[in-house]
C-alpha atoms as a PDB file:
ATOM      1  CA  MET A   1      48.048 -45.089  42.794  1.00  0.00           C
ATOM      2  CA  ALA A   2      48.980 -43.449  39.696  1.00  0.00           C
ATOM      3  CA  ARG A   3      49.178 -45.268  36.463  1.00  0.00           C
ATOM      4  CA  SER A   4      52.544 -46.369  35.245  1.00  0.00           C
ATOM      5  CA  SER A   5      51.662 -45.791  31.531  1.00  0.00           C
ATOM      6  CA  LEU A   6      49.503 -43.351  29.608  1.00  0.00           C
ATOM      7  CA  THR A   7      49.456 -42.161  26.095  1.00  0.00           C
ATOM      8  CA  ARG A   8      48.597 -38.689  24.576  1.00  0.00           C
ATOM      9  CA  GLU A   9      45.599 -40.076  22.765  1.00  0.00           C
ATOM     10  CA  GLU A  10      44.191 -41.488  26.195  1.00  0.00           C
ATOM     11  CA  VAL A  11      44.619 -38.167  27.651  1.00  0.00           C
ATOM     12  CA  LEU A  12      42.982 -36.426  24.771  1.00  0.00           C
ATOM     13  CA  ALA A  13      39.990 -38.854  24.622  1.00  0.00           C
ATOM     14  CA  ALA A  14      39.300 -38.488  28.378  1.00  0.00           C
ATOM     15  CA  ALA A  15      39.636 -34.721  28.076  1.00  0.00           C
ATOM     16  CA  ALA A  16      37.061 -34.783  25.196  1.00  0.00           C
ATOM     17  CA  GLY A  17      34.699 -36.802  27.157  1.00  0.00           C
ATOM     18  CA  LEU A  18      34.795 -34.408  30.079  1.00  0.00           C
ATOM     19  CA  VAL A  19      34.417 -31.404  27.780  1.00  0.00           C
ATOM     20  CA  ARG A  20      31.403 -33.324  25.945  1.00  0.00           C
ATOM     21  CA  GLN A  21      29.672 -33.797  29.306  1.00  0.00           C
ATOM     22  CA  HIS A  22      30.388 -30.628  31.129  1.00  0.00           C
ATOM     23  CA  GLY A  23      31.671 -27.998  28.919  1.00  0.00           C
ATOM     24  CA  PRO A  24      35.349 -26.736  28.555  1.00  0.00           C
ATOM     25  CA  GLN A  25      34.874 -24.233  31.609  1.00  0.00           C
ATOM     26  CA  THR A  26      34.993 -27.117  34.031  1.00  0.00           C
ATOM     27  CA  LEU A  27      37.771 -28.890  32.563  1.00  0.00           C
ATOM     28  CA  THR A  28      40.860 -28.658  34.867  1.00  0.00           C
ATOM     29  CA  MET A  29      44.206 -30.553  35.109  1.00  0.00           C
ATOM     30  CA  ARG A  30      43.326 -32.042  38.353  1.00  0.00           C
ATOM     31  CA  LYS A  31      40.004 -33.347  37.276  1.00  0.00           C
ATOM     32  CA  LEU A  32      41.484 -34.814  34.238  1.00  0.00           C
ATOM     33  CA  ALA A  33      44.193 -36.524  36.248  1.00  0.00           C
ATOM     34  CA  ALA A  34      41.575 -37.855  38.651  1.00  0.00           C
ATOM     35  CA  GLU A  35      39.619 -39.193  35.673  1.00  0.00           C
ATOM     36  CA  LEU A  36      42.624 -41.101  34.286  1.00  0.00           C
ATOM     37  CA  GLY A  37      43.965 -42.200  37.673  1.00  0.00           C
ATOM     38  CA  THR A  38      47.322 -40.546  37.330  1.00  0.00           C
ATOM     39  CA  ALA A  39      49.332 -37.513  38.694  1.00  0.00           C
ATOM     40  CA  VAL A  40      48.832 -34.046  37.364  1.00  0.00           C
ATOM     41  CA  THR A  41      52.432 -33.867  36.317  1.00  0.00           C
ATOM     42  CA  SER A  42      51.804 -36.707  34.038  1.00  0.00           C
ATOM     43  CA  ILE A  43      49.097 -34.817  32.163  1.00  0.00           C
ATOM     44  CA  TYR A  44      51.414 -31.814  31.663  1.00  0.00           C
ATOM     45  CA  TRP A  45      54.154 -34.134  30.479  1.00  0.00           C
ATOM     46  CA  HIS A  46      51.806 -35.526  27.733  1.00  0.00           C
ATOM     47  CA  VAL A  47      49.744 -32.176  26.633  1.00  0.00           C
ATOM     48  CA  GLY A  48      51.428 -29.301  28.235  1.00  0.00           C
ATOM     49  CA  ASN A  49      49.376 -26.795  30.129  1.00  0.00           C
ATOM     50  CA  ARG A  50      45.713 -26.327  29.963  1.00  0.00           C
ATOM     51  CA  GLU A  51      45.628 -23.964  26.876  1.00  0.00           C
ATOM     52  CA  SER A  52      47.850 -26.351  25.034  1.00  0.00           C
ATOM     53  CA  LEU A  53      45.344 -29.202  25.971  1.00  0.00           C
ATOM     54  CA  LEU A  54      42.546 -27.014  24.719  1.00  0.00           C
ATOM     55  CA  ASP A  55      44.349 -26.421  21.416  1.00  0.00           C
ATOM     56  CA  ALA A  56      45.054 -30.176  21.105  1.00  0.00           C
ATOM     57  CA  LEU A  57      41.279 -31.010  21.604  1.00  0.00           C
ATOM     58  CA  VAL A  58      40.317 -28.416  18.893  1.00  0.00           C
ATOM     59  CA  GLU A  59      42.748 -30.028  16.445  1.00  0.00           C
ATOM     60  CA  ARG A  60      41.409 -33.483  17.461  1.00  0.00           C
ATOM     61  CA  THR A  61      37.812 -32.266  16.929  1.00  0.00           C
ATOM     62  CA  VAL A  62      38.691 -31.037  13.565  1.00  0.00           C
ATOM     63  CA  LEU A  63      40.216 -34.212  12.393  1.00  0.00           C
ATOM     64  CA  ASP A  64      37.322 -36.253  13.714  1.00  0.00           C
ATOM     65  CA  MET A  65      34.918 -34.202  11.637  1.00  0.00           C
ATOM     66  CA  GLY A  66      36.911 -35.206   8.658  1.00  0.00           C
ATOM     67  CA  THR A  67      35.916 -38.886   8.762  1.00  0.00           C
ATOM     68  CA  LEU A  68      32.477 -38.496   7.195  1.00  0.00           C
ATOM     69  CA  ARG A  69      32.033 -41.218   4.524  1.00  0.00           C
ATOM     70  CA  PRO A  70      29.182 -41.074   2.217  1.00  0.00           C
ATOM     71  CA  THR A  71      26.937 -44.146   1.730  1.00  0.00           C
ATOM     72  CA  GLY A  72      24.240 -44.833  -0.896  1.00  0.00           C
ATOM     73  CA  ARG A  73      23.872 -46.029  -4.464  1.00  0.00           C
ATOM     74  CA  THR A  74      23.298 -42.600  -5.961  1.00  0.00           C
ATOM     75  CA  PRO A  75      24.865 -39.188  -5.594  1.00  0.00           C
ATOM     76  CA  ALA A  76      21.546 -37.840  -4.257  1.00  0.00           C
ATOM     77  CA  ALA A  77      21.354 -40.714  -1.533  1.00  0.00           C
ATOM     78  CA  ARG A  78      25.000 -40.039  -0.760  1.00  0.00           C
ATOM     79  CA  ILE A  79      24.496 -36.194  -0.341  1.00  0.00           C
ATOM     80  CA  VAL A  80      21.677 -37.138   2.046  1.00  0.00           C
ATOM     81  CA  SER A  81      23.932 -39.366   4.083  1.00  0.00           C
ATOM     82  CA  VAL A  82      26.652 -36.628   4.502  1.00  0.00           C
ATOM     83  CA  ALA A  83      24.130 -34.285   5.823  1.00  0.00           C
ATOM     84  CA  ARG A  84      22.806 -36.988   8.097  1.00  0.00           C
ATOM     85  CA  GLY A  85      26.367 -37.742   9.393  1.00  0.00           C
ATOM     86  CA  LEU A  86      27.293 -34.068   9.754  1.00  0.00           C
ATOM     87  CA  ARG A  87      24.288 -33.459  11.855  1.00  0.00           C
ATOM     88  CA  ARG A  88      24.987 -36.598  14.040  1.00  0.00           C
ATOM     89  CA  ASP A  89      28.533 -35.504  14.469  1.00  0.00           C
ATOM     90  CA  LEU A  90      27.670 -31.772  15.302  1.00  0.00           C
ATOM     91  CA  ARG A  91      25.090 -32.925  17.770  1.00  0.00           C
ATOM     92  CA  ALA A  92      27.354 -35.350  19.605  1.00  0.00           C
ATOM     93  CA  ARG A  93      30.105 -32.769  20.527  1.00  0.00           C
ATOM     94  CA  PRO A  94      28.443 -29.271  20.909  1.00  0.00           C
ATOM     95  CA  HIS A  95      31.107 -28.099  23.465  1.00  0.00           C
ATOM     96  CA  LEU A  96      33.983 -29.191  21.321  1.00  0.00           C
ATOM     97  CA  ILE A  97      32.389 -27.461  18.212  1.00  0.00           C
ATOM     98  CA  ALA A  98      32.126 -24.218  20.146  1.00  0.00           C
ATOM     99  CA  MET A  99      35.778 -24.477  21.030  1.00  0.00           C
ATOM    100  CA  VAL A 100      36.681 -24.929  17.384  1.00  0.00           C
ATOM    101  CA  HIS A 101      34.620 -21.858  16.413  1.00  0.00           C
ATOM    102  CA  GLU A 102      36.119 -19.701  19.157  1.00  0.00           C
ATOM    103  CA  ARG A 103      39.461 -20.541  17.731  1.00  0.00           C
ATOM    104  CA  GLY A 104      38.492 -19.605  14.269  1.00  0.00           C
ATOM    105  CA  LEU A 105      38.761 -23.023  12.726  1.00  0.00           C
ATOM    106  CA  THR A 106      35.022 -23.641  11.750  1.00  0.00           C
ATOM    107  CA  GLU A 107      35.602 -23.318   8.093  1.00  0.00           C
ATOM    108  CA  ARG A 108      38.564 -25.679   8.161  1.00  0.00           C
ATOM    109  CA  MET A 109      36.300 -28.164  10.312  1.00  0.00           C
ATOM    110  CA  PHE A 110      33.511 -28.078   7.562  1.00  0.00           C
ATOM    111  CA  LEU A 111      35.903 -28.569   4.557  1.00  0.00           C
ATOM    112  CA  PRO A 112      35.934 -32.339   4.468  1.00  0.00           C
ATOM    113  CA  ALA A 113      32.158 -32.352   4.563  1.00  0.00           C
ATOM    114  CA  GLN A 114      31.986 -29.668   1.761  1.00  0.00           C
ATOM    115  CA  GLN A 115      34.569 -31.813  -0.206  1.00  0.00           C
ATOM    116  CA  ALA A 116      32.446 -34.858   0.046  1.00  0.00           C
ATOM    117  CA  LEU A 117      29.257 -32.810  -1.019  1.00  0.00           C
ATOM    118  CA  ALA A 118      31.179 -31.253  -4.000  1.00  0.00           C
ATOM    119  CA  HIS A 119      32.142 -34.782  -5.055  1.00  0.00           C
ATOM    120  CA  GLU A 120      28.600 -35.800  -5.104  1.00  0.00           C
ATOM    121  CA  VAL A 121      27.161 -32.883  -6.783  1.00  0.00           C
ATOM    122  CA  HIS A 122      29.859 -33.240  -9.523  1.00  0.00           C
ATOM    123  CA  ALA A 123      28.594 -36.843  -9.770  1.00  0.00           C
ATOM    124  CA  ALA A 124      25.048 -35.635 -10.149  1.00  0.00           C
ATOM    125  CA  GLY A 125      26.153 -33.404 -13.116  1.00  0.00           C
ATOM    126  CA  LEU A 126      26.274 -30.099 -11.362  1.00  0.00           C
ATOM    127  CA  ARG A 127      29.381 -27.698 -12.117  1.00  0.00           C
ATOM    128  CA  GLY A 128      30.524 -24.286 -11.112  1.00  0.00           C
ATOM    129  CA  ALA A 129      28.220 -21.854  -9.354  1.00  0.00           C
ATOM    130  CA  ARG A 130      25.331 -24.428  -9.232  1.00  0.00           C
ATOM    131  CA  ALA A 131      27.540 -26.945  -7.542  1.00  0.00           C
ATOM    132  CA  ALA A 132      28.804 -24.361  -5.019  1.00  0.00           C
ATOM    133  CA  ASP A 133      25.108 -23.282  -4.263  1.00  0.00           C
ATOM    134  CA  ALA A 134      24.294 -27.025  -3.724  1.00  0.00           C
ATOM    135  CA  VAL A 135      27.132 -27.547  -1.365  1.00  0.00           C
ATOM    136  CA  ARG A 136      26.372 -24.500   0.649  1.00  0.00           C
ATOM    137  CA  ALA A 137      22.744 -25.060   0.678  1.00  0.00           C
ATOM    138  CA  VAL A 138      22.953 -28.661   2.181  1.00  0.00           C
ATOM    139  CA  GLN A 139      25.527 -27.425   4.699  1.00  0.00           C
ATOM    140  CA  PHE A 140      23.586 -24.247   5.596  1.00  0.00           C
ATOM    141  CA  HIS A 141      20.280 -26.396   5.980  1.00  0.00           C
ATOM    142  CA  THR A 142      22.105 -28.929   8.131  1.00  0.00           C
ATOM    143  CA  VAL A 143      23.613 -26.295  10.533  1.00  0.00           C
ATOM    144  CA  GLY A 144      20.430 -24.238  10.599  1.00  0.00           C
ATOM    145  CA  PHE A 145      18.210 -27.278  11.420  1.00  0.00           C
ATOM    146  CA  LEU A 146      20.583 -28.166  14.465  1.00  0.00           C
ATOM    147  CA  LEU A 147      20.501 -24.602  15.665  1.00  0.00           C
ATOM    148  CA  VAL A 148      16.605 -24.789  15.751  1.00  0.00           C
ATOM    149  CA  GLU A 149      16.705 -28.178  17.467  1.00  0.00           C
ATOM    150  CA  ARG A 150      19.258 -26.845  19.940  1.00  0.00           C
ATOM    151  CA  ASN A 151      17.132 -23.720  20.647  1.00  0.00           C
ATOM    152  CA  ARG A 152      13.873 -25.857  21.101  1.00  0.00           C
ATOM    153  CA  GLU A 153      15.699 -28.203  23.522  1.00  0.00           C
ATOM    154  CA  ARG A 154      17.059 -25.390  25.653  1.00  0.00           C
ATOM    155  CA  SER A 155      13.933 -23.354  25.684  1.00  0.00           C
ATOM    156  CA  PRO A 156      11.761 -23.022  28.869  1.00  0.00           C
ATOM    157  CA  VAL A 157       8.636 -24.957  29.145  1.00  0.00           C
ATOM    158  CA  GLN A 158       5.920 -23.539  26.968  1.00  0.00           C
ATOM    159  CA  SER A 159       2.605 -22.598  28.193  1.00  0.00           C
ATOM    160  CA  PRO A 160       0.594 -23.019  26.056  1.00  0.00           C
ATOM    161  CA  ALA A 161       2.468 -26.075  24.724  1.00  0.00           C
ATOM    162  CA  GLU A 162       2.542 -26.533  21.001  1.00  0.00           C
ATOM    163  CA  GLY A 163      -0.081 -29.351  21.037  1.00  0.00           C
ATOM    164  CA  ASP A 164      -2.375 -27.046  22.926  1.00  0.00           C
ATOM    165  CA  LEU A 165      -2.468 -24.543  20.036  1.00  0.00           C
ATOM    166  CA  TRP A 166      -3.459 -26.740  17.141  1.00  0.00           C
ATOM    167  CA  SER A 167      -7.123 -27.735  16.447  1.00  0.00           C
ATOM    168  CA  ALA A 168      -9.116 -27.864  13.254  1.00  0.00           C
ATOM    169  CA  SER A 169      -9.929 -24.176  13.346  1.00  0.00           C
ATOM    170  CA  THR A 170      -6.247 -23.194  13.638  1.00  0.00           C
ATOM    171  CA  ALA A 171      -5.075 -25.707  11.050  1.00  0.00           C
ATOM    172  CA  GLY A 172      -7.447 -24.412   8.343  1.00  0.00           C
ATOM    173  CA  GLY A 173     -10.126 -26.977   8.758  1.00  0.00           C
ATOM    174  CA  ASP A 174      -7.625 -29.904   8.550  1.00  0.00           C
ATOM    175  CA  PRO A 175      -8.054 -31.937  11.721  1.00  0.00           C
ATOM    176  CA  ALA A 176      -5.431 -34.524  10.430  1.00  0.00           C
ATOM    177  CA  LEU A 177      -2.957 -31.688  10.121  1.00  0.00           C
ATOM    178  CA  ALA A 178      -3.839 -30.397  13.760  1.00  0.00           C
ATOM    179  CA  ARG A 179      -3.321 -33.983  15.200  1.00  0.00           C
ATOM    180  CA  ALA A 180      -0.001 -34.188  13.595  1.00  0.00           C
ATOM    181  CA  LEU A 181       1.182 -30.777  14.596  1.00  0.00           C
ATOM    182  CA  ALA A 182      -0.024 -31.374  18.125  1.00  0.00           C
ATOM    183  CA  ARG A 183       2.341 -34.250  18.409  1.00  0.00           C
ATOM    184  CA  PRO A 184       6.095 -33.742  19.073  1.00  0.00           C
ATOM    185  CA  ALA A 185       8.221 -33.593  15.973  1.00  0.00           C
ATOM    186  CA  ASP A 186      10.258 -36.758  15.107  1.00  0.00           C
ATOM    187  CA  GLN A 187      13.442 -34.590  14.453  1.00  0.00           C
ATOM    188  CA  GLU A 188      15.428 -37.410  12.588  1.00  0.00           C
ATOM    189  CA  ARG A 189      12.432 -37.921  10.228  1.00  0.00           C
ATOM    190  CA  LEU A 190      11.781 -34.466   9.582  1.00  0.00           C
ATOM    191  CA  PHE A 191      15.430 -33.667   8.977  1.00  0.00           C
ATOM    192  CA  VAL A 192      15.701 -36.595   6.417  1.00  0.00           C
ATOM    193  CA  THR A 193      12.598 -35.539   4.696  1.00  0.00           C
ATOM    194  CA  SER A 194      13.575 -31.857   4.568  1.00  0.00           C
ATOM    195  CA  VAL A 195      17.167 -32.565   3.387  1.00  0.00           C
ATOM    196  CA  ARG A 196      15.892 -35.030   0.604  1.00  0.00           C
ATOM    197  CA  ALA A 197      13.388 -32.343  -0.739  1.00  0.00           C
ATOM    198  CA  LEU A 198      16.256 -29.861  -0.849  1.00  0.00           C
ATOM    199  CA  VAL A 199      18.538 -32.279  -2.570  1.00  0.00           C
ATOM    200  CA  GLU A 200      15.930 -33.174  -4.987  1.00  0.00           C
ATOM    201  CA  GLY A 201      15.405 -29.565  -5.941  1.00  0.00           C
ATOM    202  CA  LEU A 202      18.918 -28.755  -6.156  1.00  0.00           C
ATOM    203  CA  LEU A 203      19.903 -31.755  -8.414  1.00  0.00           C
ATOM    204  CA  ALA A 204      16.716 -31.110 -10.671  1.00  0.00           C
ATOM    205  CA  GLY A 205      18.105 -30.791 -14.240  1.00  0.00           C
ATOM    206  CA  GLY A 206      21.643 -31.635 -13.178  1.00  0.00           C
ATOM    207  CA  GLY A 207      21.769 -34.782 -15.382  1.00  0.00           C
ATOM    208  CA  GLY A 208      22.268 -37.196 -12.362  1.00  0.00           C
ATOM    209  CA  PRO A 209      19.901 -39.988 -10.831  1.00  0.00           C
ATOM    210  CA  GLY A 210      17.161 -38.952  -8.599  1.00  0.00           C
ATOM    211  CA  VAL A 211      17.044 -38.685  -4.764  1.00  0.00           C
ATOM    212  CA  THR A 212      14.538 -41.439  -4.191  1.00  0.00           C
ATOM    213  CA  ALA A 213      17.081 -44.372  -4.870  1.00  0.00           C
ATOM    214  CA  GLU A 214      18.909 -45.601  -1.720  1.00  0.00           C
END
């Protein structure tokens, strides 16, 4: 039995959920109607045809990516929080992000994060080209780190595995280093460590407080 009431936002939320799970190529109006327990005609009434639906999902994703809110007591800590939030949001919706990119809206999608970063690097005392370099460096580091993560997650099983390649001899006589590199990387910890080091270097001499305060 078809649902008697349905909102456009419910349709978009359900469509976004299907795209997140299975990718846009598997999204059909029939599948979406079945997910919502309604008639296909109701879907068309709320969002138009499939292309209109995909356009609406892209716009929704762009808006969702604009909700980053920095946290922390210092500009440096807030920059790190923006980077962490950006990575988290990008990881959560890879198929939707790909759709945004395909429709040429990537720069618009990143603008709110860039603005948040610009505000914090200003608060740390950077201006002009130095501020621009800091904003872009944090953004590029975040996106690049995510691309490496995705590549490693999608790669075939490695033989020999990373852990099999490290020993005291391959680690320059440092057995503790070998043991650490033989273990799977803690990607969240590694990201935070690397972005903090990057921010510390970018803000050095900028006149603002350091990155170590939380």
